[in-house]
N, C-alpha and C. Protein backbone atom coordinates (compact mmCIF):
# COMPACT_ATOMS: atom_id res chain seq x y z
N MET A 1 132.79 -188.47 152.84
CA MET A 1 133.64 -187.22 153.09
C MET A 1 133.21 -186.66 154.48
N VAL A 2 134.05 -186.15 155.17
CA VAL A 2 133.71 -185.69 156.50
C VAL A 2 133.87 -184.06 156.37
N SER A 3 132.66 -183.54 157.06
CA SER A 3 132.29 -182.13 156.86
C SER A 3 133.44 -181.47 157.85
N ASN A 4 133.90 -180.34 157.38
CA ASN A 4 134.70 -179.37 158.36
C ASN A 4 134.04 -178.39 159.06
N SER A 5 132.52 -178.53 159.02
CA SER A 5 131.77 -177.37 159.43
C SER A 5 132.14 -177.29 160.98
N GLU A 6 132.25 -178.19 161.74
CA GLU A 6 132.45 -178.18 163.22
C GLU A 6 133.99 -177.83 163.45
N SER A 7 134.87 -178.16 162.67
CA SER A 7 136.23 -177.46 162.86
C SER A 7 136.30 -176.11 162.59
N ASP A 8 135.33 -175.51 161.72
CA ASP A 8 135.47 -174.29 161.48
C ASP A 8 134.90 -173.15 162.13
N ILE A 9 134.27 -173.64 163.40
CA ILE A 9 133.67 -172.84 164.33
C ILE A 9 134.64 -171.87 165.07
N THR A 10 134.14 -170.60 165.28
CA THR A 10 134.88 -169.70 165.92
C THR A 10 134.67 -169.72 167.41
N ASP A 11 135.65 -168.90 168.16
CA ASP A 11 135.60 -168.68 169.48
C ASP A 11 134.15 -168.06 169.92
N SER A 12 133.83 -167.03 169.27
CA SER A 12 132.73 -166.35 169.50
C SER A 12 131.39 -167.28 169.40
N GLU A 13 131.52 -168.14 168.30
CA GLU A 13 130.32 -169.03 168.35
C GLU A 13 130.41 -170.10 169.61
N ILE A 14 131.52 -170.52 169.98
CA ILE A 14 131.57 -171.23 171.28
C ILE A 14 131.03 -170.66 172.42
N ASP A 15 131.37 -169.44 172.32
CA ASP A 15 130.66 -168.56 173.56
C ASP A 15 129.47 -168.55 173.48
N GLU A 16 128.78 -168.36 172.37
CA GLU A 16 127.19 -168.25 172.12
C GLU A 16 126.81 -169.60 172.71
N TYR A 17 127.21 -170.62 172.21
CA TYR A 17 126.68 -171.87 172.53
C TYR A 17 126.77 -172.16 174.10
N LYS A 18 127.76 -171.44 174.74
CA LYS A 18 128.06 -171.76 176.12
C LYS A 18 126.85 -171.01 177.16
N GLU A 19 126.50 -170.03 176.51
CA GLU A 19 125.70 -169.18 177.39
C GLU A 19 124.36 -169.83 177.78
N LYS A 20 123.50 -170.65 177.12
CA LYS A 20 122.30 -171.22 177.38
C LYS A 20 122.73 -172.39 178.52
N PRO A 21 123.51 -173.44 178.37
CA PRO A 21 123.82 -174.44 179.35
C PRO A 21 124.39 -173.68 180.45
N TYR A 22 125.25 -172.72 180.51
CA TYR A 22 125.59 -172.07 181.79
C TYR A 22 124.46 -171.41 182.50
N SER A 23 123.52 -170.76 181.97
CA SER A 23 122.48 -170.47 182.54
C SER A 23 121.53 -171.29 183.16
N LEU A 24 121.41 -172.36 182.42
CA LEU A 24 120.61 -173.69 182.89
C LEU A 24 121.26 -174.10 184.31
N LEU A 25 122.57 -174.16 184.26
CA LEU A 25 123.44 -174.77 185.44
C LEU A 25 123.20 -173.85 186.56
N LYS A 26 123.48 -172.51 186.30
CA LYS A 26 123.41 -171.44 187.36
C LYS A 26 122.08 -171.35 187.95
N ASP A 27 120.92 -171.64 187.20
CA ASP A 27 119.72 -171.36 187.63
C ASP A 27 119.06 -172.70 188.25
N GLY A 28 120.05 -173.72 188.17
CA GLY A 28 119.47 -175.12 188.96
C GLY A 28 118.68 -176.07 188.01
N ILE A 29 118.58 -175.70 186.89
CA ILE A 29 117.49 -176.28 185.98
C ILE A 29 118.44 -177.63 185.81
N LEU A 30 119.64 -177.59 185.18
CA LEU A 30 120.55 -178.69 184.96
C LEU A 30 121.28 -178.92 186.46
N LYS A 31 121.13 -180.20 186.71
CA LYS A 31 121.86 -180.71 188.01
C LYS A 31 123.17 -181.29 188.09
N VAL A 32 124.03 -180.84 188.78
CA VAL A 32 125.46 -181.39 188.83
C VAL A 32 125.73 -182.37 190.16
N LYS A 33 124.94 -181.78 191.28
CA LYS A 33 124.86 -182.62 192.53
C LYS A 33 123.79 -183.67 192.46
N ARG A 34 124.23 -184.84 192.76
CA ARG A 34 123.18 -185.90 192.90
C ARG A 34 122.57 -185.99 194.22
N SER A 35 121.58 -186.85 194.47
CA SER A 35 120.86 -186.78 195.62
C SER A 35 121.82 -187.32 196.87
N ASP A 36 122.95 -188.25 196.65
CA ASP A 36 123.70 -188.47 197.68
C ASP A 36 124.92 -187.69 197.72
N GLY A 37 124.94 -186.58 197.18
CA GLY A 37 126.05 -185.67 197.35
C GLY A 37 127.15 -185.64 196.39
N SER A 38 127.14 -186.81 195.55
CA SER A 38 128.36 -186.85 194.56
C SER A 38 127.92 -185.95 193.40
N LEU A 39 128.90 -185.74 192.52
CA LEU A 39 128.88 -184.97 191.45
C LEU A 39 128.66 -185.91 190.15
N LYS A 40 128.08 -185.31 189.01
CA LYS A 40 127.95 -186.13 187.89
C LYS A 40 128.04 -184.99 186.63
N CYS A 41 128.18 -185.30 185.48
CA CYS A 41 128.21 -184.44 184.25
C CYS A 41 126.86 -184.74 183.65
N PRO A 42 126.04 -183.52 183.76
CA PRO A 42 124.69 -183.36 183.15
C PRO A 42 124.62 -183.61 181.62
N PHE A 43 126.02 -183.58 180.90
CA PHE A 43 126.02 -183.70 179.51
C PHE A 43 126.37 -185.07 178.92
N CYS A 44 126.74 -185.96 179.92
CA CYS A 44 127.13 -187.35 179.48
C CYS A 44 126.34 -188.27 180.46
N PRO A 45 125.15 -188.34 180.14
CA PRO A 45 124.23 -189.18 181.10
C PRO A 45 124.52 -190.79 180.68
N GLY A 46 124.91 -191.22 179.67
CA GLY A 46 124.88 -192.53 179.36
C GLY A 46 126.36 -193.16 179.39
N LYS A 47 127.30 -192.43 179.94
CA LYS A 47 128.73 -192.85 180.20
C LYS A 47 128.84 -193.60 181.34
N LYS A 48 129.88 -194.60 181.29
CA LYS A 48 130.25 -195.41 182.28
C LYS A 48 130.26 -194.76 183.70
N LYS A 49 131.19 -193.72 183.79
CA LYS A 49 131.54 -193.11 185.00
C LYS A 49 130.63 -192.09 185.21
N GLN A 50 129.81 -192.26 186.18
CA GLN A 50 128.57 -191.26 186.46
C GLN A 50 129.12 -190.31 187.73
N VAL A 51 129.94 -190.95 188.65
CA VAL A 51 130.15 -190.14 189.87
C VAL A 51 131.68 -189.52 189.82
N TYR A 52 131.59 -188.31 190.12
CA TYR A 52 132.89 -187.76 190.11
C TYR A 52 133.30 -186.81 191.35
N GLY A 53 134.53 -186.54 191.68
CA GLY A 53 134.92 -185.53 192.81
C GLY A 53 134.77 -184.36 192.12
N ARG A 54 134.92 -183.12 192.99
CA ARG A 54 134.93 -181.80 192.26
C ARG A 54 135.93 -181.56 191.17
N LYS A 55 137.13 -181.99 191.66
CA LYS A 55 138.41 -181.74 190.82
C LYS A 55 138.12 -182.81 189.65
N ASP A 56 137.79 -183.87 189.52
CA ASP A 56 137.80 -184.77 188.56
C ASP A 56 136.64 -184.23 187.53
N LEU A 57 135.60 -183.76 188.08
CA LEU A 57 134.45 -183.19 187.12
C LEU A 57 135.06 -182.01 186.30
N LEU A 58 135.78 -181.14 187.07
CA LEU A 58 136.19 -180.05 186.37
C LEU A 58 137.25 -180.32 185.36
N GLN A 59 138.10 -181.30 185.51
CA GLN A 59 139.06 -181.87 184.56
C GLN A 59 138.19 -182.59 183.43
N HIS A 60 137.28 -183.24 183.65
CA HIS A 60 136.47 -184.01 182.62
C HIS A 60 135.82 -182.80 181.77
N ALA A 61 135.29 -181.88 182.35
CA ALA A 61 134.79 -180.69 181.60
C ALA A 61 135.70 -179.81 180.69
N GLN A 62 136.87 -179.63 181.39
CA GLN A 62 137.76 -178.99 180.56
C GLN A 62 138.52 -179.86 179.58
N GLY A 63 138.61 -181.10 179.72
CA GLY A 63 139.19 -181.82 178.81
C GLY A 63 138.29 -182.00 177.51
N ILE A 64 137.08 -182.02 177.88
CA ILE A 64 136.12 -182.30 176.57
C ILE A 64 136.00 -180.86 175.94
N GLY A 65 135.81 -179.84 176.69
CA GLY A 65 135.72 -178.55 176.12
C GLY A 65 136.94 -177.99 175.40
N SER A 66 138.04 -178.56 175.60
CA SER A 66 139.22 -178.18 174.69
C SER A 66 139.68 -179.33 173.81
N SER A 67 138.89 -180.26 173.82
CA SER A 67 139.25 -181.42 172.84
C SER A 67 139.43 -181.00 171.47
N SER A 68 140.44 -181.55 170.82
CA SER A 68 140.60 -181.16 169.52
C SER A 68 139.91 -182.40 168.43
N SER A 69 139.25 -183.36 169.13
CA SER A 69 138.89 -184.61 168.50
C SER A 69 137.86 -184.23 167.49
N TYR A 70 137.80 -184.85 166.55
CA TYR A 70 136.76 -184.82 165.40
C TYR A 70 135.44 -185.26 165.95
N LYS A 71 135.33 -186.19 166.84
CA LYS A 71 134.25 -186.80 167.57
C LYS A 71 133.44 -185.83 168.24
N ARG A 72 134.18 -184.84 168.82
CA ARG A 72 133.14 -183.90 169.64
C ARG A 72 132.72 -182.76 168.85
N THR A 73 131.41 -182.66 168.97
CA THR A 73 130.65 -181.44 168.21
C THR A 73 131.10 -180.26 169.11
N ALA A 74 130.91 -179.09 168.13
CA ALA A 74 131.20 -177.74 168.90
C ALA A 74 130.20 -177.45 169.95
N LYS A 75 129.05 -177.98 169.90
CA LYS A 75 128.04 -177.88 171.01
C LYS A 75 128.24 -178.67 172.20
N ALA A 76 128.85 -179.89 171.94
CA ALA A 76 129.19 -180.73 173.11
C ALA A 76 130.44 -180.07 173.88
N LYS A 77 131.47 -179.38 173.13
CA LYS A 77 132.49 -178.86 173.64
C LYS A 77 132.15 -177.65 174.40
N ALA A 78 131.04 -176.65 173.71
CA ALA A 78 130.51 -175.57 174.46
C ALA A 78 129.90 -175.72 175.78
N LYS A 79 129.06 -176.99 176.00
CA LYS A 79 128.52 -177.43 177.11
C LYS A 79 129.36 -177.73 178.22
N HIS A 80 130.40 -178.46 177.73
CA HIS A 80 131.51 -178.93 178.73
C HIS A 80 132.20 -177.38 179.32
N LEU A 81 132.40 -176.52 178.51
CA LEU A 81 133.08 -175.36 178.63
C LEU A 81 132.27 -174.57 179.79
N ALA A 82 130.93 -174.68 179.53
CA ALA A 82 130.09 -174.00 180.38
C ALA A 82 130.02 -174.56 181.72
N LEU A 83 130.11 -175.99 181.74
CA LEU A 83 130.08 -176.86 182.97
C LEU A 83 131.48 -176.51 183.90
N ALA A 84 132.53 -176.40 183.07
CA ALA A 84 133.87 -175.96 183.62
C ALA A 84 133.54 -174.56 184.33
N ALA A 85 133.14 -173.63 183.67
CA ALA A 85 133.07 -172.26 184.05
C ALA A 85 131.89 -172.15 185.30
N TYR A 86 131.01 -172.90 185.37
CA TYR A 86 130.13 -173.11 186.31
C TYR A 86 130.80 -173.60 187.67
N LEU A 87 131.61 -174.59 187.36
CA LEU A 87 132.39 -175.15 188.56
C LEU A 87 133.38 -174.36 189.21
N GLN A 88 133.96 -173.54 188.09
CA GLN A 88 134.93 -172.60 188.77
C GLN A 88 134.27 -171.39 189.43
N GLN A 89 133.11 -171.07 189.11
CA GLN A 89 132.23 -169.99 189.57
C GLN A 89 131.80 -170.57 191.14
N GLU A 90 131.51 -171.74 191.02
CA GLU A 90 131.06 -172.32 192.32
C GLU A 90 132.06 -172.39 193.33
N GLN A 91 133.35 -172.73 193.02
CA GLN A 91 134.44 -172.68 194.04
C GLN A 91 134.66 -171.30 194.36
N GLN A 92 134.47 -170.50 193.78
CA GLN A 92 134.67 -168.96 194.47
C GLN A 92 133.67 -168.48 195.34
N VAL A 93 132.49 -169.14 195.42
CA VAL A 93 131.43 -168.75 196.17
C VAL A 93 131.63 -169.35 197.65
N PRO A 94 131.75 -168.36 198.56
CA PRO A 94 131.76 -168.88 200.06
C PRO A 94 130.56 -170.17 200.40
N ARG A 95 131.01 -170.93 201.02
CA ARG A 95 129.99 -172.04 201.24
C ARG A 95 129.35 -171.70 202.71
N SER A 96 129.84 -170.93 203.50
CA SER A 96 129.54 -170.53 204.84
C SER A 96 129.18 -169.04 205.14
N SER A 97 128.89 -168.58 206.30
CA SER A 97 128.56 -167.37 206.47
C SER A 97 129.92 -166.47 206.45
N ARG A 98 131.27 -167.22 206.64
CA ARG A 98 132.47 -166.58 206.80
C ARG A 98 132.57 -165.55 205.64
N CYS A 99 133.11 -164.46 205.63
CA CYS A 99 133.52 -163.68 204.55
C CYS A 99 134.98 -163.57 204.46
N ARG A 100 135.50 -163.55 203.32
CA ARG A 100 136.64 -163.07 203.01
C ARG A 100 136.99 -161.86 203.61
N SER A 101 138.35 -161.42 203.87
CA SER A 101 138.79 -160.28 204.38
C SER A 101 138.45 -159.01 203.37
N ASP A 102 138.26 -159.35 202.20
CA ASP A 102 138.05 -158.30 201.14
C ASP A 102 136.64 -157.88 200.97
N GLY A 103 135.71 -158.59 201.87
CA GLY A 103 134.36 -158.13 201.67
C GLY A 103 133.61 -158.92 200.44
N GLU A 104 134.24 -159.83 199.68
CA GLU A 104 133.75 -160.26 198.49
C GLU A 104 132.49 -161.12 198.80
N CYS A 105 132.18 -161.60 199.79
CA CYS A 105 131.12 -162.56 200.24
C CYS A 105 129.83 -161.73 199.95
N ARG A 106 129.71 -160.40 200.32
CA ARG A 106 128.53 -159.79 200.23
C ARG A 106 128.18 -159.64 198.78
N LYS A 107 128.91 -159.71 197.93
CA LYS A 107 128.71 -159.70 196.23
C LYS A 107 128.16 -161.12 195.72
N LEU A 108 128.80 -162.19 196.34
CA LEU A 108 128.64 -163.54 195.93
C LEU A 108 127.47 -164.36 196.67
N VAL A 109 127.12 -164.08 197.84
CA VAL A 109 126.26 -164.85 198.61
C VAL A 109 124.86 -164.26 198.22
N ARG A 110 123.93 -165.46 197.71
CA ARG A 110 122.70 -164.87 197.27
C ARG A 110 121.99 -164.60 198.50
N GLY A 111 121.06 -163.52 198.32
CA GLY A 111 120.07 -163.17 199.51
C GLY A 111 120.73 -162.36 200.61
N GLY A 112 122.10 -161.95 200.51
CA GLY A 112 122.84 -161.30 201.46
C GLY A 112 123.51 -160.18 201.07
């Protein structure tokens, strides 16, 4: 008999599960960037595909995070949703000293 406990999880519980992995990603404890500059999913270490482009990794994270498959646990979905949120936030942070015209860089650039 298959348990429905994972399918009965609420959105607020998913949000709770997302908090810790998001913090670990944001603090640099979990690494997305490999030493050669390519990207990897820190939650799928044993998978065949280890190297992703930014868009592909975002699509991977969003796909698993929103999966309705019974094979995916709520925690696995939440971790991947945290990765997707992290990647989306990373894309919004200016990578150079150039600021957007609205002054947004002052709030987003660390140490500045």
